[in-house]
Protein backbone atom coordinates (compact mmCIF):
# COMPACT_ATOMS: atom_id res chain seq x y z
CA MET A 1 55.31 138.11 113.10
CA TRP A 2 56.36 136.33 110.10
CA GLN A 3 59.52 134.40 111.86
CA ARG A 4 56.31 132.72 113.74
CA HIS A 5 55.14 131.48 110.71
CA ALA A 6 58.14 131.00 108.95
CA ARG A 7 58.06 126.77 110.11
CA LEU A 8 54.17 126.62 108.90
CA TRP A 9 54.82 128.14 105.34
CA PHE A 10 57.68 125.62 104.99
CA PHE A 11 55.42 122.91 105.97
CA HIS A 12 52.41 124.13 103.24
CA LEU A 13 55.11 124.69 100.74
CA ALA A 14 56.51 121.07 101.10
CA TRP A 15 53.07 119.64 100.89
CA LYS A 16 52.15 121.78 97.70
CA VAL A 17 55.08 120.22 95.68
CA VAL A 18 54.31 116.86 96.78
CA LEU A 19 50.78 117.38 95.29
CA LEU A 20 51.99 118.85 92.20
CA LEU A 21 54.70 115.76 91.71
CA VAL A 22 51.97 113.60 92.22
CA LEU A 23 50.12 115.04 89.60
CA LEU A 24 52.46 115.11 87.35
CA HIS A 25 52.95 111.63 88.15
CA VAL A 26 49.27 111.11 86.94
CA GLY A 27 49.56 112.76 83.67
CA ILE A 28 52.42 112.63 82.37
CA LEU A 29 54.11 109.15 83.50
CA GLU A 30 53.33 105.97 81.74
CA SER A 31 52.06 103.19 84.43
CA SER A 32 55.29 101.58 83.93
CA SER A 33 57.55 103.98 84.60
CA SER A 34 55.73 105.47 87.80
CA VAL A 35 57.51 105.51 90.62
CA ILE A 36 54.55 105.11 92.77
CA ASN A 37 51.22 102.99 92.40
CA ASP A 38 47.91 104.66 91.63
CA GLU A 39 46.59 103.84 94.86
CA VAL A 40 49.05 106.03 96.60
CA ALA A 41 48.56 108.80 94.11
CA TYR A 42 44.74 108.57 94.42
CA THR A 43 44.94 108.72 98.80
CA ILE A 44 47.27 111.54 98.46
CA VAL A 45 44.80 113.56 96.07
CA VAL A 46 41.88 112.33 98.31
CA ALA A 47 43.94 113.43 101.69
CA ASN A 48 44.68 117.32 100.42
CA LEU A 49 40.76 117.50 99.73
CA PHE A 50 39.78 116.60 103.24
CA PHE A 51 42.80 118.94 104.43
CA GLU A 52 41.94 121.96 102.07
CA ALA A 53 38.07 121.44 103.16
CA ALA A 54 39.30 121.14 106.74
CA ASN A 55 40.89 124.74 106.72
CA ILE A 56 38.48 126.55 104.26
CA THR A 57 35.87 125.62 106.70
CA TRP A 58 37.53 126.76 109.82
CA GLY A 59 38.73 129.94 108.08
CA LEU A 60 34.97 131.01 107.57
CA LEU A 61 33.83 130.19 111.09
CA ALA A 62 36.61 131.79 112.68
CA SER A 63 37.56 135.08 110.10
CA GLN A 64 34.21 137.15 111.66
CA ARG A 65 34.99 136.50 115.59
CA TRP A 66 38.95 136.44 115.04
CA ALA A 67 40.03 138.38 112.44
CA GLY A 68 36.76 140.78 112.46
CA LEU A 69 36.45 140.18 108.91
CA PRO A 70 33.30 139.63 107.37
CA THR A 71 33.09 136.51 105.50
CA LEU A 72 32.32 137.24 102.36
CA LYS A 73 34.91 139.94 102.73
CA TYR A 74 37.49 136.84 103.67
CA PHE A 75 36.02 134.14 101.17
CA SER A 76 36.89 137.01 98.29
CA SER A 77 40.29 138.01 99.81
CA PHE A 78 42.10 134.69 101.02
CA LEU A 79 39.76 131.73 99.76
CA LEU A 80 38.96 132.39 96.04
CA PHE A 81 41.97 131.03 94.76
CA ASP A 82 41.59 128.17 96.93
CA VAL A 83 38.05 127.62 96.31
CA ILE A 84 38.57 127.08 92.59
CA SER A 85 41.55 124.59 93.01
CA TRP A 86 39.60 122.44 95.54
CA LEU A 87 36.72 121.92 93.18
CA ALA A 88 39.24 121.62 89.99
CA LEU A 89 40.75 118.63 92.24
CA LEU A 90 37.39 117.27 92.95
CA THR A 91 36.94 116.44 89.52
CA LEU A 92 39.83 113.74 89.62
CA CYS A 93 38.31 111.63 92.35
CA LYS A 94 36.14 110.04 89.95
CA ALA A 95 37.87 106.99 89.46
CA SER A 96 41.47 105.44 90.77
CA GLN A 97 42.95 105.00 87.51
CA ARG A 98 44.83 107.29 85.13
CA PRO A 99 43.02 109.50 82.57
CA GLN A 100 41.79 107.66 79.38
CA THR A 101 39.48 110.29 77.86
CA GLY A 102 39.68 113.10 76.90
CA GLN A 103 38.09 114.85 79.62
CA GLU A 104 40.29 113.21 82.17
CA LYS A 105 43.12 114.40 80.67
CA VAL A 106 41.96 118.20 80.31
CA CYS A 107 41.04 117.97 84.24
CA VAL A 108 44.06 116.56 84.90
CA ALA A 109 46.07 119.47 82.96
CA VAL A 110 43.62 121.89 84.46
CA ASN A 111 45.06 120.79 87.99
CA ILE A 112 48.65 121.01 87.00
CA LEU A 113 48.22 124.56 86.08
CA LEU A 114 46.31 125.31 88.61
CA ARG A 115 48.60 123.67 91.27
CA SER A 116 51.75 125.19 89.72
CA LEU A 117 50.42 128.57 89.76
CA ASP A 118 49.93 127.96 93.50
CA VAL A 119 53.06 127.21 94.35
CA ILE A 120 54.62 130.00 92.36
CA SER A 121 52.18 132.02 94.19
CA THR A 122 53.54 131.17 97.47
CA LEU A 123 57.06 131.64 96.51
CA ARG A 124 56.01 135.54 96.80
CA VAL A 125 57.43 135.63 100.64
CA LEU A 126 60.86 134.99 99.03
CA PRO A 127 63.15 138.20 99.28
CA VAL A 128 64.69 137.02 96.19
CA VAL A 129 61.73 136.53 93.99
CA GLY A 130 58.69 138.02 95.96
CA PRO A 131 59.33 141.82 95.45
CA MET A 132 59.75 141.09 91.26
CA MET A 133 56.94 139.00 91.33
CA ILE A 134 54.45 141.49 93.14
CA ALA A 135 55.63 144.20 90.86
CA VAL A 136 55.01 142.20 87.85
CA LEU A 137 51.67 141.65 88.80
CA GLN A 138 50.57 145.05 90.00
CA SER A 139 51.76 146.79 86.75
CA PHE A 140 48.88 145.12 85.30
CA ALA A 141 46.38 146.86 87.59
CA PRO A 142 46.79 150.32 85.81
CA MET A 143 46.06 149.37 82.40
CA GLN A 144 42.53 148.19 82.36
CA GLY A 145 41.75 151.22 80.32
CA MET A 146 44.10 150.04 77.77
CA PHE A 147 43.00 146.18 77.76
CA MET A 148 39.65 147.19 77.27
CA ILE A 149 40.64 149.43 74.15
CA MET A 150 42.20 146.23 72.76
CA GLY A 151 39.58 144.35 73.58
CA MET A 152 36.95 146.58 71.76
CA MET A 153 39.23 146.94 69.12
CA PHE A 154 39.29 142.98 68.85
CA LEU A 155 35.94 142.33 68.43
CA THR A 156 35.44 145.13 65.96
CA PHE A 157 37.70 143.27 63.55
CA ALA A 158 36.38 139.89 64.61
CA PHE A 159 32.86 141.27 63.80
CA THR A 160 34.24 142.27 60.48
CA PHE A 161 35.71 139.09 58.99
CA LEU A 162 33.13 136.95 60.59
CA SER A 163 30.81 138.69 58.22
CA ILE A 164 32.90 137.99 54.84
CA LYS A 165 34.42 134.34 55.96
CA ASP A 166 34.51 131.59 53.59
CA PRO A 167 31.38 128.88 53.49
CA GLY A 168 31.97 125.98 55.88
CA ARG A 169 34.71 127.86 58.17
CA SER A 170 33.76 128.29 61.40
CA ASN A 171 33.68 130.79 64.04
CA ALA A 172 36.68 129.69 66.19
CA TYR A 173 38.59 129.06 63.27
CA VAL A 174 38.17 132.85 62.20
CA LEU A 175 39.18 134.25 65.61
CA LEU A 176 42.36 132.19 66.49
CA ASN A 177 43.55 133.17 63.16
CA LEU A 178 42.74 136.66 63.66
CA TYR A 179 44.23 136.75 66.82
CA GLN A 180 47.49 135.03 65.68
CA ALA A 181 47.41 138.13 62.63
CA LEU A 182 46.87 140.47 64.95
CA PHE A 183 48.52 140.00 68.09
CA LEU A 184 51.68 137.50 66.84
CA THR A 185 51.67 139.08 63.73
CA ASP A 186 51.57 135.91 61.94
CA SER A 187 51.25 136.26 58.11
CA ASP A 188 49.59 132.58 58.06
CA GLY A 189 47.22 133.83 59.99
CA ALA A 190 46.16 136.82 57.79
CA GLU A 191 46.25 134.93 54.65
CA ALA A 192 43.67 132.01 56.25
CA ILE A 193 41.06 134.73 56.75
CA SER A 194 41.85 137.31 54.18
CA GLY A 195 42.92 137.36 50.28
CA ILE A 196 45.96 139.30 51.57
CA ASP A 197 48.23 136.47 49.45
CA LEU A 198 48.42 137.96 46.75
CA GLY A 199 51.41 135.79 45.25
CA HIS A 200 49.50 132.70 45.91
CA GLU A 201 51.99 131.30 48.50
CA GLN A 202 49.32 128.96 49.67
CA THR A 203 48.74 127.12 46.23
CA LEU A 204 52.54 126.59 46.11
CA ASP A 205 52.49 125.38 49.84
CA PHE A 206 49.50 123.56 50.03
CA GLY A 207 47.76 123.09 46.29
CA VAL A 208 44.96 125.34 47.65
CA GLU A 209 44.16 128.98 48.95
CA MET A 210 42.66 128.70 52.81
CA TYR A 211 40.37 131.74 52.05
CA SER A 212 38.42 131.95 48.38
CA GLY A 213 36.30 134.56 49.10
CA GLU A 214 33.77 132.57 47.01
CA GLY A 215 35.40 134.10 43.89
CA SER A 216 34.63 137.12 44.25
CA SER A 217 37.16 140.10 43.42
CA TRP A 218 35.54 142.52 45.94
CA LEU A 219 35.82 140.13 49.22
CA LEU A 220 39.31 139.37 47.95
CA GLY A 221 40.38 143.12 47.66
CA ALA A 222 38.02 144.22 51.02
CA SER A 223 39.31 141.80 53.17
CA SER A 224 43.24 142.71 52.01
CA TYR A 225 42.54 146.42 52.83
CA ILE A 226 41.03 145.45 56.26
CA MET A 227 43.55 142.78 57.16
CA VAL A 228 46.34 145.63 56.49
CA PHE A 229 44.44 148.39 58.58
CA ALA A 230 43.61 145.88 61.55
CA THR A 231 47.66 144.56 61.80
CA SER A 232 48.66 148.42 61.12
CA THR A 233 46.62 149.24 64.15
CA PHE A 234 47.70 146.42 66.47
CA SER A 235 50.98 145.88 65.31
CA LEU A 236 52.14 149.60 65.31
CA VAL A 237 50.02 151.56 67.71
CA LEU A 238 47.94 149.43 70.29
CA LEU A 239 50.80 146.70 71.06
CA ASN A 240 53.77 149.00 70.88
CA LEU A 241 51.73 151.31 73.14
CA THR A 242 51.14 148.82 75.72
CA ILE A 243 54.40 147.74 76.01
CA GLY A 244 55.56 151.13 76.82
CA MET A 245 52.38 151.94 78.84
CA TYR A 246 53.61 148.56 80.87
CA SER A 247 57.44 149.27 81.42
CA LYS A 248 56.28 152.80 82.71
CA TYR A 249 53.92 151.22 85.66
CA TYR A 250 56.64 148.63 86.38
CA GLU A 251 59.28 151.38 87.07
CA GLN A 252 56.60 153.08 89.20
CA MET A 253 55.23 149.85 90.93
CA GLU A 254 59.31 148.43 91.52
CA PRO A 255 59.85 150.84 94.63
CA PHE A 256 56.28 150.14 95.94
CA ALA A 257 56.78 146.20 95.77
CA ASN A 258 58.94 146.12 98.85
CA LEU A 259 55.90 147.45 100.92
CA ALA A 260 53.74 144.61 98.92
CA PHE A 261 56.53 142.13 99.90
CA GLN A 262 55.39 142.61 103.52
CA GLN A 263 51.98 143.56 102.66
CA TYR A 264 51.53 139.64 101.65
CA ARG A 265 53.83 138.46 104.04
CA ALA A 266 50.76 140.07 106.65
CA ARG A 267 48.42 138.53 104.38
CA LEU A 268 49.69 134.83 104.89
CA SER A 269 50.11 135.26 108.41
CA VAL A 270 46.38 135.81 109.20
CA SER A 271 45.31 132.91 107.01
CA PHE A 272 47.69 131.22 108.98
CA MET A 273 45.88 132.25 111.72
CA LEU A 274 42.45 131.11 110.76
CA ARG A 275 43.64 127.79 110.33
CA PRO A 276 42.24 124.74 112.78
CA LYS A 277 44.45 124.89 116.19
CA LEU A 278 44.18 124.05 119.93
CA PRO A 279 41.90 126.42 121.68
CA ALA A 280 43.91 128.68 124.33
CA ARG A 281 41.85 127.35 127.23
CA TRP A 282 43.81 124.02 126.74
CA LEU A 283 46.89 125.34 126.58
CA ARG A 284 46.95 127.45 129.49
CA TYR A 285 48.82 124.90 131.95
CA SER A 286 51.40 124.24 129.77
CA THR A 287 53.81 126.08 127.40
CA SER A 288 53.40 125.50 123.50
CA LEU A 289 56.45 123.75 123.31
CA LYS A 290 55.08 121.35 125.82
CA ALA A 291 51.97 121.38 123.47
CA SER A 292 53.90 121.23 120.58
CA ARG A 293 55.39 117.72 121.42
CA LEU A 294 52.17 116.32 122.43
CA LEU A 295 50.41 116.82 119.28
CA SER A 296 53.70 115.49 117.61
CA LEU A 297 52.68 112.21 119.56
CA ALA A 298 49.26 112.20 118.79
CA ALA A 299 50.46 112.03 115.26
CA ILE A 300 51.75 108.76 115.13
CA PRO A 301 47.74 106.74 115.79
CA PHE A 302 47.22 108.30 112.15
CA PHE A 303 50.18 107.77 111.31
CA CYS A 304 50.07 103.78 111.76
CA THR A 305 46.42 103.97 110.43
CA LEU A 306 47.32 105.15 107.15
CA VAL A 307 50.26 102.65 107.10
CA PHE A 308 47.76 100.15 107.54
CA ALA A 309 45.17 101.36 105.24
CA MET A 310 47.82 101.73 102.40
CA LYS A 311 48.53 97.65 102.68
CA GLN A 312 44.95 96.78 102.90
CA ASN A 313 44.22 98.99 100.09
CA LEU A 314 41.61 101.09 101.97
CA SER A 315 42.17 104.72 99.99
CA ILE A 316 39.48 106.53 101.90
CA ILE A 317 40.54 105.38 105.17
CA GLY A 318 44.04 105.82 104.21
CA SER A 319 43.20 109.55 102.72
CA ALA A 320 41.22 110.34 106.03
CA ALA A 321 44.17 109.04 108.13
CA LEU A 322 46.52 111.25 106.17
CA ALA A 323 44.64 114.10 106.50
CA ALA A 324 44.01 113.79 109.86
CA LEU A 325 47.92 113.85 110.19
CA LEU A 326 48.50 116.93 108.46
CA LEU A 327 45.82 119.05 110.43
CA VAL A 328 47.90 117.31 113.90
CA ARG A 329 50.81 118.53 112.29
CA GLN A 330 49.92 121.85 111.56
CA ALA A 331 48.44 122.86 114.51
CA ALA A 332 51.68 121.48 116.21
CA LEU A 333 53.10 124.69 114.40
CA LEU A 334 50.62 126.92 115.55
CA THR A 335 50.47 126.33 119.23
CA HIS A 336 52.78 129.80 120.01
CA ILE A 337 49.66 131.79 118.55
CA SER A 338 46.75 129.97 119.82
CA ASP A 339 45.99 132.50 122.13
CA ILE A 340 44.48 134.67 118.91
CA ASP A 341 41.09 134.73 120.42
CA GLY A 342 41.89 136.87 123.13
CA LEU A 343 43.32 139.54 120.81
CA HIS A 344 40.84 140.30 118.84
CA HIS A 345 39.78 143.76 121.08
CA TYR A 346 43.31 145.08 120.03
CA LEU A 347 44.67 146.89 116.75
CA TRP A 348 47.06 145.23 114.71
CA VAL A 349 49.32 148.28 113.39
CA SER A 350 52.26 147.05 111.16
CA TYR A 351 54.99 149.74 110.07
CA ARG A 352 58.51 150.22 109.53
CA THR A 353 60.95 152.01 110.70
CA ASP A 354 63.44 152.52 108.05
CA PHE A 355 60.32 153.93 105.89
CA ASN A 356 61.67 156.85 103.58
CA GLU A 357 58.70 158.00 101.10
CA GLN A 358 61.37 159.75 98.60
CA PHE A 359 62.11 156.03 98.31
CA PHE A 360 58.78 154.50 97.66
CA ASN A 361 57.59 157.15 95.47
CA THR A 362 59.36 157.58 92.08
CA GLN A 363 57.74 160.45 91.16
CA GLY A 364 58.43 162.10 94.56
CA GLY A 365 61.96 161.27 94.06
CA GLU A 366 62.01 162.78 90.71
CA ILE A 367 60.60 166.37 91.98
CA GLU A 368 63.00 165.74 95.03
CA GLY A 369 65.72 165.61 92.50
CA LEU A 370 64.88 168.45 90.31
CA LYS A 371 64.47 170.64 93.66
CA ASN A 372 67.90 169.59 94.76
CA MET A 373 69.29 170.18 91.17
CA LEU A 374 67.78 173.78 91.35
CA SER A 375 68.95 174.51 94.86
CA THR A 376 72.17 173.72 93.85
CA GLN A 377 72.11 176.12 90.68
CA ARG A 378 70.99 178.82 93.03
CA GLU A 379 74.19 178.73 95.13
CA GLU A 380 76.01 178.71 92.33
CA ILE A 381 74.18 182.08 90.80
CA ALA A 382 74.64 183.37 94.15
CA GLU A 383 78.48 182.50 94.31
CA LEU A 384 78.66 184.38 91.06
CA LYS A 385 76.56 187.41 92.21
CA GLY A 386 79.38 187.57 94.76
CA GLU A 387 82.30 187.21 92.50
CA VAL A 388 80.74 189.47 89.85
CA ALA A 389 80.04 192.51 93.05
CA LYS A 390 84.09 191.69 94.09
CA LEU A 391 84.86 192.52 90.15
CA SER A 392 82.45 195.89 90.23
CA GLY A 393 84.52 197.01 93.17
CA LEU A 394 87.99 196.32 91.98
CA GLN A 395 86.69 197.68 88.49
CA GLU A 396 86.05 200.88 90.46
CA GLU A 397 89.10 200.97 92.13
CA PHE A 398 90.66 200.33 88.74
CA ALA A 399 89.26 203.49 87.52
CA LYS A 400 89.98 205.69 90.61
CA LEU A 401 93.61 204.82 89.73
CA SER A 402 93.54 205.39 86.58
CA THR A 403 92.16 208.93 87.08
CA GLN A 404 95.06 209.21 89.43
CA LEU A 405 97.45 207.96 87.00
CA SER A 406 96.38 210.09 84.08
CA GLU A 407 96.58 213.18 86.48
CA THR A 408 99.80 212.04 87.61
CA THR A 409 100.63 212.31 84.03
CA GLN A 410 99.54 215.51 82.87
CA VAL A 411 101.95 216.95 86.33
CA LEU A 412 104.75 215.15 85.26
CA MET A 413 104.22 216.37 81.75
CA GLU A 414 104.06 219.62 82.74
CA SER A 415 106.90 220.02 85.31
CA SER A 416 108.79 218.48 82.42
CA ARG A 417 107.70 222.00 80.30
CA ASP A 418 108.26 223.93 82.77
CA ARG A 419 111.86 222.48 83.65
CA GLN A 420 113.21 223.35 80.43
CA SER A 421 111.54 226.67 79.83
CA TYR A 422 112.83 227.65 82.85
CA GLN A 423 116.56 226.18 82.07
CA LYS A 424 116.01 228.08 78.70
CA GLU A 425 115.29 231.51 80.33
CA ASN A 426 118.45 230.86 82.83
CA ALA A 427 120.63 229.86 80.06
CA GLN A 428 119.83 233.12 78.30
CA ARG A 429 120.16 235.29 81.44
CA GLU A 430 123.81 233.60 82.29
CA HIS A 431 124.44 234.49 78.75
CA THR A 432 123.61 238.26 79.24
CA GLN A 433 125.34 238.73 82.74
CA TYR A 434 128.33 237.39 80.79
CA ALA A 435 128.08 239.63 78.00
CA MET A 436 127.91 242.54 80.41
CA GLY A 437 130.78 241.44 82.34
CA ASN A 438 129.40 242.28 85.97
CA GLY A 439 130.11 239.92 88.56
CA ASP A 440 129.17 241.45 91.36
CA ASN A 441 125.92 239.96 91.08
CA PRO A 442 125.30 236.14 92.74
CA PRO A 443 125.03 233.26 90.35
CA LEU A 444 121.83 231.92 89.41
CA PRO A 445 120.60 228.37 90.66
CA SER A 446 122.32 225.38 88.40
CA ALA A 447 120.26 223.21 86.18
CA GLU A 448 120.10 220.68 88.94
CA GLN A 449 119.02 223.13 91.74
CA THR A 450 116.55 224.71 89.43
CA SER A 451 114.84 220.87 88.85
CA SER A 452 114.60 220.08 92.09
CA ILE A 453 112.97 223.51 92.95
CA MET A 454 109.87 222.29 90.14
CA MET A 455 110.05 218.91 91.41
CA HIS A 456 109.22 220.61 95.18
CA GLN A 457 106.69 223.14 93.80
CA ARG A 458 104.97 219.72 91.90
CA ALA A 459 104.91 217.35 94.58
CA GLN A 460 102.95 219.94 96.59
CA SER A 461 100.64 219.99 94.35
CA LEU A 462 100.62 215.91 94.16
CA GLN A 463 100.04 215.92 97.87
CA SER A 464 96.30 217.18 97.37
CA ILE A 465 95.66 214.49 94.83
CA GLY A 466 96.86 211.32 95.77
CA GLY A 467 98.99 211.76 99.11
CA SER A 468 102.54 212.42 99.84
CA SER A 469 103.45 208.75 98.72
CA LEU A 470 102.13 209.28 95.78
CA ALA A 471 104.04 213.13 95.32
CA SER A 472 107.59 210.91 95.89
CA GLY A 473 107.00 208.44 93.63
CA ALA A 474 106.54 211.28 91.13
CA MET A 475 109.68 213.21 92.22
CA VAL A 476 111.80 210.22 91.99
CA ALA A 477 110.46 209.15 88.66
CA ALA A 478 110.83 212.52 86.75
CA GLY A 479 114.57 212.37 88.47
CA GLY A 480 114.67 214.31 91.31
CA ARG A 481 115.25 213.61 95.01
CA PRO A 482 112.39 213.82 97.52
CA PHE A 483 112.93 216.32 100.18
CA ASP A 484 113.38 215.78 103.98
CA GLY A 485 111.53 218.46 105.15
CA LEU A 486 114.58 219.98 107.26
CA SER A 487 115.55 223.52 106.69
CA ARG A 488 119.00 223.99 105.95
CA ARG A 489 121.35 226.79 105.17
CA GLN A 490 122.87 227.40 100.74
CA SER A 491 125.50 229.83 99.94
CA PHE A 492 125.24 231.57 96.69
CA ALA A 493 128.25 233.97 96.37
CA GLY A 494 128.56 234.98 99.45
CA HIS A 495 124.64 235.31 100.53
CA THR A 496 123.60 232.76 103.35
CA THR A 497 119.61 232.49 103.39
CA LEU A 498 117.46 230.11 105.36
CA ALA A 499 116.11 227.61 102.52
CA PRO A 500 112.09 227.13 104.24
CA GLN A 501 110.95 223.40 104.12
CA GLY A 502 112.52 222.98 101.24
CA ILE A 503 115.57 223.92 99.22
CA LEU A 504 114.78 227.35 97.70
CA HIS A 505 117.44 229.65 96.07
CA PRO A 506 117.95 233.24 97.69
CA ASN A 507 117.35 234.66 94.76
CA THR A 508 113.64 233.05 94.74
CA ALA A 509 110.54 233.62 96.29
CA GLN A 510 107.35 231.35 96.92
CA ASN A 511 103.69 232.96 96.77
CA SER A 512 102.02 231.77 100.15
CA GLN A 513 98.83 231.34 98.23
CA THR A 514 99.38 229.89 94.46
CA GLY A 515 102.46 227.85 95.80
CA THR A 516 104.51 229.10 92.60
CA VAL A 517 107.96 230.04 92.93
CA THR A 518 109.27 233.09 90.55
CA PRO A 519 112.63 234.42 90.77
CA ILE A 520 114.01 237.61 92.61
CA LEU A 521 115.91 239.78 90.10
CA SER A 522 118.83 241.85 91.02
CA ALA A 523 117.93 245.31 91.62
CA ARG A 524 120.25 246.25 88.82
CA ARG A 525 118.47 244.07 86.68
CA ARG A 526 115.12 245.45 87.45
CA ALA A 527 116.35 248.66 86.84
CA GLY A 528 116.95 247.45 83.26
CA HIS A 529 120.77 246.78 83.03
């Protein structure tokens, strides 16, 4: 919709700039250095009065019918500033000469101020400066309560200092210096209405004290203490608090400025639609382009009238011709929306397809950020819990392995002790046999054979604890050899026996219940020989 009104916006902006330049010419430049004469300036000012009056009247008459806005609502929302500017400009039409008196100069200054603000307000539709200007203006709305507090405090101190002012000082003098002291922290303003000048600097500079207090030490002392309290309250508390609040509200309003920027463009489009234009039935048999060209041709007579009136110094006629020329050009730019009076039964809805509530809501964005952070921390905690569970499982496996290792170590130590004791007994038996000189008995197993027998017994014990692999490892660690499980024959001194499932000496026997191996002594030893 805004693209359809962009050219009309440029037209109005150009005319407002021309009017502002004319006012600056009237108020600032001298007659000798002026680019245009006063008659031309007067014609432009009066033409603008006619042009704006036509737009205001047309809008008031058409707002209820075409836009569905009550007249009072349309006036307060769209026309209030335009009416104030129009009335201020009307004060310059009393004479066609430059302002001479103070009242006339004040009127020119007020008009320059209002028209400059109007131009700045028109620039709010530009994407470069529009959102920032809107954010700056809308940040004042939430601070109404703070401004009321500051106003009440200022009135409190104003009444206080008005009651102790010097004779002959006006109320405006006291209020102005109090404003400088409180809002601007100006020491000169504070010294002008109180006895805070303890060093008598004003006497050294001007030769007189601005505040005498009627020579009363009570007034001088009381005014000094009150001024210290007043400046401290405003400078240290209220002003700093106001700055902090405004900064906070500006940060909150800045994301919404993009939406307010689109809203302002829509408001300006509505105001353009309620400007004078050709009725839709006149354009029924022609396109908007043809109608725009016809209106441009119709503006030629008004332009010729303007030129003739300027040459003949007919300011009023020239102003009317210039106003008509502006209205015709405006109507030419509005021909493509002249059918709006037939669309008043439709509901106009404006929305953005790329709207993201999180982006335009600062507080909501902060909450979403905290939620995301909390969710990330929860995921990290869940991962840590999984790792802790894995470590717990590893700890349990390590405890099992430690138990098995301790049992294996205990078995190996017992095996080592049994081996040493058995070797000792075997050595004693051999010594006894040798001493008796009996060579008929078969020789006893050697130390290596005895160790193998003991390892086999311990391996069978370890199989019941940790498996065959652990038993084999234990035998290797103890210096023995794992058994192949095959039955083989062994011969000891002519005696041949079948070794069961391992190497067993022919003079040994295995208990099937306990699994222990005991040597079988010969009949001669059992008989005590």
